[in-house]
Amino acid sequence: MTDPLSADEQDDPSDSYADADRARVHAANQLARDRSMVEHGRRIGGAAGAALAGAMIAIRDVYEGKAKRDDGQVVVDAPSEPHDVDRDGVTLPAAELGGLDDVAVPAQPRRPPVVSARRRSRRR
């Protein structure tokens, strides 16, 4: 009978290195394939052939879909409401700035939004 894998053998870090290496090689092969398609198009049809090959690669990527990366969601809990700089202004102590004087910037008064003038229709 075979012995079950020990905990050290199950969590082998070389597996993660091998997976990362496989992903890197796969990405390099895919890039080389795309570049060879563009070069083949350039040999056959010049610049227009290369552009058409690039467009076909883009359409393929849109149709097949690229592998989506899971970046995860970052949630940060704040102990209080965030500081509203537009309403309250900013006050920074000298120790925070690394200087000798405190800095206080009052809130700026609100201005009306910039809206373009309406164009009159030339039709009458």
N, C-alpha and C. Protein backbone atom coordinates (compact mmCIF):
# COMPACT_ATOMS: atom_id res chain seq x y z
N MET A 1 0.84 -1.18 0.00
CA MET A 1 0.00 0.00 0.00
C MET A 1 0.89 1.24 0.00
N THR A 2 0.36 2.27 -0.58
CA THR A 2 1.13 3.51 -0.62
C THR A 2 0.77 4.37 0.58
N ASP A 3 1.75 5.11 1.04
CA ASP A 3 1.52 6.00 2.18
C ASP A 3 0.87 7.29 1.68
N PRO A 4 -0.08 7.81 2.44
CA PRO A 4 -0.65 9.11 2.03
C PRO A 4 0.43 10.18 2.14
N LEU A 5 0.28 11.24 1.36
CA LEU A 5 1.27 12.32 1.36
C LEU A 5 1.25 13.04 2.69
N SER A 6 2.42 13.38 3.16
CA SER A 6 2.50 14.14 4.40
C SER A 6 2.06 15.58 4.13
N ALA A 7 1.83 16.34 5.17
CA ALA A 7 1.39 17.73 5.03
C ALA A 7 2.43 18.56 4.29
N ASP A 8 3.73 18.26 4.50
CA ASP A 8 4.78 19.01 3.81
C ASP A 8 4.76 18.75 2.31
N GLU A 9 4.49 17.52 1.92
CA GLU A 9 4.48 17.17 0.50
C GLU A 9 3.23 17.70 -0.19
N GLN A 10 2.13 17.86 0.53
CA GLN A 10 0.90 18.37 -0.08
C GLN A 10 1.01 19.86 -0.40
N ASP A 11 1.66 20.61 0.44
CA ASP A 11 1.79 22.05 0.25
C ASP A 11 3.14 22.39 -0.35
N ASP A 12 3.55 21.65 -1.34
CA ASP A 12 4.85 21.84 -1.96
C ASP A 12 4.89 23.17 -2.70
N PRO A 13 5.80 24.08 -2.34
CA PRO A 13 5.86 25.38 -3.02
C PRO A 13 6.31 25.27 -4.47
N SER A 14 6.95 24.16 -4.84
CA SER A 14 7.39 24.02 -6.23
C SER A 14 6.20 23.91 -7.17
N ASP A 15 5.03 23.48 -6.66
CA ASP A 15 3.84 23.44 -7.51
C ASP A 15 3.43 24.83 -7.94
N SER A 16 3.49 25.79 -7.04
CA SER A 16 3.12 27.16 -7.40
C SER A 16 4.12 27.74 -8.39
N TYR A 17 5.41 27.39 -8.21
CA TYR A 17 6.42 27.85 -9.16
C TYR A 17 6.18 27.23 -10.53
N ALA A 18 5.82 25.95 -10.56
CA ALA A 18 5.58 25.27 -11.83
C ALA A 18 4.36 25.87 -12.52
N ASP A 19 3.30 26.17 -11.74
CA ASP A 19 2.11 26.78 -12.33
C ASP A 19 2.43 28.15 -12.90
N ALA A 20 3.21 28.94 -12.17
CA ALA A 20 3.59 30.26 -12.66
C ALA A 20 4.45 30.15 -13.92
N ASP A 21 5.34 29.16 -13.94
CA ASP A 21 6.20 28.96 -15.10
C ASP A 21 5.37 28.53 -16.31
N ARG A 22 4.41 27.62 -16.08
CA ARG A 22 3.53 27.20 -17.18
C ARG A 22 2.74 28.38 -17.74
N ALA A 23 2.22 29.23 -16.87
CA ALA A 23 1.46 30.40 -17.32
C ALA A 23 2.34 31.35 -18.11
N ARG A 24 3.60 31.54 -17.67
CA ARG A 24 4.52 32.42 -18.38
C ARG A 24 4.85 31.87 -19.77
N VAL A 25 5.08 30.56 -19.85
CA VAL A 25 5.39 29.94 -21.15
C VAL A 25 4.18 30.01 -22.07
N HIS A 26 2.98 29.79 -21.53
CA HIS A 26 1.76 29.87 -22.34
C HIS A 26 1.57 31.27 -22.90
N ALA A 27 1.80 32.30 -22.07
CA ALA A 27 1.66 33.68 -22.53
C ALA A 27 2.69 34.00 -23.61
N ALA A 28 3.92 33.51 -23.43
CA ALA A 28 4.97 33.76 -24.43
C ALA A 28 4.63 33.07 -25.74
N ASN A 29 4.11 31.85 -25.68
CA ASN A 29 3.72 31.14 -26.91
C ASN A 29 2.58 31.84 -27.62
N GLN A 30 1.61 32.34 -26.86
CA GLN A 30 0.49 33.04 -27.47
C GLN A 30 0.96 34.34 -28.14
N LEU A 31 1.87 35.05 -27.50
CA LEU A 31 2.40 36.28 -28.09
C LEU A 31 3.19 35.97 -29.36
N ALA A 32 3.98 34.91 -29.33
CA ALA A 32 4.75 34.52 -30.53
C ALA A 32 3.81 34.13 -31.66
N ARG A 33 2.71 33.43 -31.34
CA ARG A 33 1.74 33.05 -32.37
C ARG A 33 1.09 34.29 -32.99
N ASP A 34 0.72 35.26 -32.15
CA ASP A 34 0.10 36.48 -32.67
C ASP A 34 1.07 37.26 -33.55
N ARG A 35 2.33 37.35 -33.11
CA ARG A 35 3.32 38.07 -33.92
C ARG A 35 3.58 37.37 -35.25
N SER A 36 3.58 36.04 -35.25
CA SER A 36 3.82 35.33 -36.51
C SER A 36 2.63 35.52 -37.46
N MET A 37 1.42 35.63 -36.92
CA MET A 37 0.26 35.90 -37.78
C MET A 37 0.38 37.27 -38.44
N VAL A 38 0.82 38.26 -37.69
CA VAL A 38 0.98 39.61 -38.25
C VAL A 38 2.10 39.61 -39.29
N GLU A 39 3.20 38.94 -39.01
CA GLU A 39 4.30 38.87 -39.97
C GLU A 39 3.87 38.16 -41.26
N HIS A 40 3.09 37.10 -41.13
CA HIS A 40 2.60 36.39 -42.32
C HIS A 40 1.70 37.31 -43.14
N GLY A 41 0.84 38.06 -42.47
CA GLY A 41 0.00 39.02 -43.17
C GLY A 41 0.82 40.10 -43.85
N ARG A 42 1.91 40.54 -43.21
CA ARG A 42 2.78 41.56 -43.81
C ARG A 42 3.48 41.01 -45.04
N ARG A 43 3.92 39.73 -44.99
CA ARG A 43 4.58 39.14 -46.16
C ARG A 43 3.62 39.03 -47.34
N ILE A 44 2.37 38.68 -47.06
CA ILE A 44 1.41 38.48 -48.14
C ILE A 44 0.85 39.80 -48.66
N GLY A 45 0.43 40.69 -47.75
CA GLY A 45 -0.27 41.89 -48.20
C GLY A 45 0.34 43.20 -47.79
N GLY A 46 1.58 43.21 -47.34
CA GLY A 46 2.22 44.46 -46.95
C GLY A 46 1.62 45.01 -45.66
N ALA A 47 1.59 46.33 -45.57
CA ALA A 47 1.08 46.98 -44.36
C ALA A 47 -0.41 46.71 -44.15
N ALA A 48 -1.15 46.67 -45.27
CA ALA A 48 -2.58 46.39 -45.15
C ALA A 48 -2.81 44.97 -44.64
N GLY A 49 -2.01 44.02 -45.10
CA GLY A 49 -2.13 42.64 -44.62
C GLY A 49 -1.81 42.51 -43.15
N ALA A 50 -0.79 43.26 -42.69
CA ALA A 50 -0.44 43.24 -41.27
C ALA A 50 -1.56 43.85 -40.43
N ALA A 51 -2.15 44.94 -40.94
CA ALA A 51 -3.26 45.58 -40.22
C ALA A 51 -4.46 44.65 -40.16
N LEU A 52 -4.74 43.97 -41.25
CA LEU A 52 -5.87 43.04 -41.28
C LEU A 52 -5.63 41.86 -40.33
N ALA A 53 -4.41 41.36 -40.29
CA ALA A 53 -4.09 40.27 -39.36
C ALA A 53 -4.25 40.73 -37.92
N GLY A 54 -3.80 41.95 -37.62
CA GLY A 54 -3.97 42.49 -36.28
C GLY A 54 -5.44 42.65 -35.92
N ALA A 55 -6.25 43.09 -36.88
CA ALA A 55 -7.69 43.23 -36.63
C ALA A 55 -8.33 41.86 -36.39
N MET A 56 -7.89 40.85 -37.12
CA MET A 56 -8.44 39.51 -36.93
C MET A 56 -8.05 38.96 -35.56
N ILE A 57 -6.85 39.26 -35.10
CA ILE A 57 -6.43 38.84 -33.76
C ILE A 57 -7.30 39.51 -32.71
N ALA A 58 -7.57 40.81 -32.90
CA ALA A 58 -8.41 41.53 -31.94
C ALA A 58 -9.82 40.97 -31.91
N ILE A 59 -10.38 40.67 -33.09
CA ILE A 59 -11.72 40.10 -33.15
C ILE A 59 -11.74 38.73 -32.48
N ARG A 60 -10.69 37.93 -32.70
CA ARG A 60 -10.61 36.62 -32.05
C ARG A 60 -10.59 36.76 -30.53
N ASP A 61 -9.79 37.72 -30.04
CA ASP A 61 -9.71 37.92 -28.60
C ASP A 61 -11.04 38.37 -28.01
N VAL A 62 -11.77 39.20 -28.75
CA VAL A 62 -13.07 39.65 -28.27
C VAL A 62 -14.06 38.50 -28.29
N TYR A 63 -14.06 37.73 -29.36
CA TYR A 63 -15.01 36.63 -29.50
C TYR A 63 -14.74 35.52 -28.49
N GLU A 64 -13.49 35.09 -28.40
CA GLU A 64 -13.13 34.00 -27.49
C GLU A 64 -13.03 34.48 -26.05
N GLY A 65 -12.68 35.72 -25.88
CA GLY A 65 -12.53 36.27 -24.53
C GLY A 65 -11.19 35.87 -23.95
N LYS A 66 -10.52 36.84 -23.39
CA LYS A 66 -9.26 36.55 -22.71
C LYS A 66 -9.57 36.01 -21.32
N ALA A 67 -8.63 35.30 -20.78
CA ALA A 67 -8.79 34.79 -19.41
C ALA A 67 -8.84 35.99 -18.47
N LYS A 68 -9.86 36.05 -17.67
CA LYS A 68 -10.02 37.19 -16.78
C LYS A 68 -9.20 36.96 -15.52
N ARG A 69 -8.52 38.02 -15.12
CA ARG A 69 -7.74 37.95 -13.89
C ARG A 69 -8.66 38.27 -12.72
N ASP A 70 -8.49 37.54 -11.67
CA ASP A 70 -9.27 37.80 -10.48
C ASP A 70 -8.42 38.64 -9.53
N ASP A 71 -8.62 39.95 -9.59
CA ASP A 71 -7.87 40.85 -8.72
C ASP A 71 -8.48 40.94 -7.34
N GLY A 72 -9.70 40.45 -7.22
CA GLY A 72 -10.36 40.50 -5.92
C GLY A 72 -10.88 41.90 -5.64
N GLN A 73 -11.62 42.01 -4.59
CA GLN A 73 -12.19 43.29 -4.20
C GLN A 73 -11.56 43.69 -2.88
N VAL A 74 -11.18 44.94 -2.80
CA VAL A 74 -10.57 45.45 -1.57
C VAL A 74 -11.62 46.28 -0.85
N VAL A 75 -11.90 45.92 0.38
CA VAL A 75 -12.86 46.65 1.19
C VAL A 75 -12.13 47.17 2.42
N VAL A 76 -12.24 48.47 2.64
CA VAL A 76 -11.57 49.08 3.77
C VAL A 76 -12.64 49.75 4.63
N ASP A 77 -12.67 49.42 5.89
CA ASP A 77 -13.60 50.04 6.81
C ASP A 77 -12.93 51.24 7.45
N ALA A 78 -13.61 52.38 7.39
CA ALA A 78 -13.10 53.59 8.02
C ALA A 78 -13.76 53.75 9.38
N PRO A 79 -13.02 54.20 10.38
CA PRO A 79 -13.62 54.36 11.71
C PRO A 79 -14.61 55.53 11.75
N SER A 80 -14.53 56.44 10.80
CA SER A 80 -15.44 57.57 10.76
C SER A 80 -15.68 57.95 9.30
N GLU A 81 -16.49 58.96 9.11
CA GLU A 81 -16.75 59.44 7.75
C GLU A 81 -15.48 60.06 7.18
N PRO A 82 -15.24 59.96 5.89
CA PRO A 82 -14.04 60.57 5.31
C PRO A 82 -14.12 62.10 5.38
N HIS A 83 -12.98 62.72 5.39
CA HIS A 83 -12.89 64.18 5.48
C HIS A 83 -13.31 64.78 4.14
N ASP A 84 -14.24 65.73 4.16
CA ASP A 84 -14.70 66.39 2.93
C ASP A 84 -13.86 67.65 2.71
N VAL A 85 -12.88 67.55 1.84
CA VAL A 85 -11.97 68.65 1.58
C VAL A 85 -12.69 69.83 0.94
N ASP A 86 -13.67 69.54 0.07
CA ASP A 86 -14.39 70.62 -0.61
C ASP A 86 -15.20 71.45 0.38
N ARG A 87 -15.71 70.85 1.41
CA ARG A 87 -16.55 71.56 2.37
C ARG A 87 -15.73 72.14 3.53
N ASP A 88 -14.76 71.37 4.04
CA ASP A 88 -14.05 71.76 5.26
C ASP A 88 -12.67 72.38 5.03
N GLY A 89 -12.08 72.18 3.88
CA GLY A 89 -10.72 72.65 3.66
C GLY A 89 -9.73 71.64 4.23
N VAL A 90 -8.45 72.04 4.28
CA VAL A 90 -7.39 71.15 4.74
C VAL A 90 -6.54 71.87 5.79
N THR A 91 -6.23 71.17 6.87
CA THR A 91 -5.31 71.70 7.88
C THR A 91 -4.29 70.61 8.18
N LEU A 92 -3.02 70.95 7.97
CA LEU A 92 -1.94 69.98 8.19
C LEU A 92 -0.98 70.53 9.23
N PRO A 93 -0.69 69.75 10.28
CA PRO A 93 0.27 70.22 11.29
C PRO A 93 1.70 70.15 10.75
N ALA A 94 2.57 70.92 11.36
CA ALA A 94 3.96 71.00 10.92
C ALA A 94 4.66 69.64 11.00
N ALA A 95 4.32 68.84 12.02
CA ALA A 95 4.97 67.54 12.18
C ALA A 95 4.63 66.61 11.02
N GLU A 96 3.43 66.74 10.49
CA GLU A 96 3.02 65.88 9.38
C GLU A 96 3.73 66.27 8.09
N LEU A 97 4.04 67.56 7.95
CA LEU A 97 4.69 68.05 6.73
C LEU A 97 6.21 67.97 6.81
N GLY A 98 6.73 67.88 8.01
CA GLY A 98 8.19 67.86 8.16
C GLY A 98 8.78 69.25 8.09
N GLY A 99 7.98 70.27 8.37
CA GLY A 99 8.46 71.64 8.31
C GLY A 99 8.30 72.32 9.65
N LEU A 100 8.37 73.66 9.64
CA LEU A 100 8.27 74.43 10.87
C LEU A 100 6.88 75.02 11.09
N ASP A 101 6.11 75.21 10.03
CA ASP A 101 4.83 75.90 10.13
C ASP A 101 3.68 74.97 9.76
N ASP A 102 2.53 75.22 10.39
CA ASP A 102 1.30 74.51 10.02
C ASP A 102 0.79 75.09 8.71
N VAL A 103 0.02 74.30 7.98
CA VAL A 103 -0.57 74.75 6.72
C VAL A 103 -2.07 74.59 6.83
N ALA A 104 -2.80 75.67 6.54
CA ALA A 104 -4.25 75.62 6.54
C ALA A 104 -4.75 76.19 5.22
N VAL A 105 -5.54 75.40 4.52
CA VAL A 105 -6.13 75.83 3.25
C VAL A 105 -7.63 75.80 3.42
N PRO A 106 -8.28 76.97 3.37
CA PRO A 106 -9.73 76.97 3.56
C PRO A 106 -10.44 76.39 2.34
N ALA A 107 -11.68 76.01 2.56
CA ALA A 107 -12.48 75.48 1.46
C ALA A 107 -12.77 76.59 0.47
N GLN A 108 -12.72 76.28 -0.79
CA GLN A 108 -12.98 77.26 -1.83
C GLN A 108 -14.49 77.41 -2.01
N PRO A 109 -14.96 78.61 -2.34
CA PRO A 109 -16.39 78.78 -2.56
C PRO A 109 -16.84 78.01 -3.80
N ARG A 110 -18.06 77.51 -3.76
CA ARG A 110 -18.58 76.75 -4.90
C ARG A 110 -18.88 77.69 -6.05
N ARG A 111 -18.59 77.24 -7.25
CA ARG A 111 -18.89 78.02 -8.45
C ARG A 111 -19.96 77.32 -9.24
N PRO A 112 -20.70 78.07 -10.02
CA PRO A 112 -21.72 77.41 -10.84
C PRO A 112 -21.05 76.54 -11.90
N PRO A 113 -21.72 75.49 -12.34
CA PRO A 113 -21.11 74.60 -13.33
C PRO A 113 -20.92 75.31 -14.67
N VAL A 114 -19.90 74.88 -15.39
CA VAL A 114 -19.62 75.44 -16.71
C VAL A 114 -20.50 74.71 -17.72
N VAL A 115 -21.35 75.48 -18.37
CA VAL A 115 -22.27 74.90 -19.35
C VAL A 115 -22.12 75.67 -20.64
N SER A 116 -22.04 74.95 -21.74
CA SER A 116 -21.90 75.63 -23.03
C SER A 116 -23.23 76.28 -23.39
N ALA A 117 -23.13 77.39 -24.12
CA ALA A 117 -24.33 78.10 -24.55
C ALA A 117 -25.09 77.26 -25.56
N ARG A 118 -26.41 77.36 -25.53
CA ARG A 118 -27.21 76.59 -26.48
C ARG A 118 -27.08 77.19 -27.86
N ARG A 119 -26.97 76.33 -28.82
CA ARG A 119 -26.91 76.79 -30.20
C ARG A 119 -28.32 76.91 -30.75
N ARG A 120 -28.51 77.94 -31.48
CA ARG A 120 -29.82 78.10 -32.10
C ARG A 120 -29.82 77.33 -33.42
N SER A 121 -30.93 76.75 -33.70
CA SER A 121 -31.07 76.01 -34.93
C SER A 121 -31.14 76.99 -36.11
N ARG A 122 -30.50 76.64 -37.19
CA ARG A 122 -30.53 77.49 -38.38
C ARG A 122 -31.80 77.27 -39.20
N ARG A 123 -32.49 76.21 -38.90
CA ARG A 123 -33.74 75.95 -39.61
C ARG A 123 -34.84 76.81 -39.03
N ARG A 124 -35.67 77.33 -39.88
CA ARG A 124 -36.81 78.12 -39.41
C ARG A 124 -38.02 77.82 -40.21
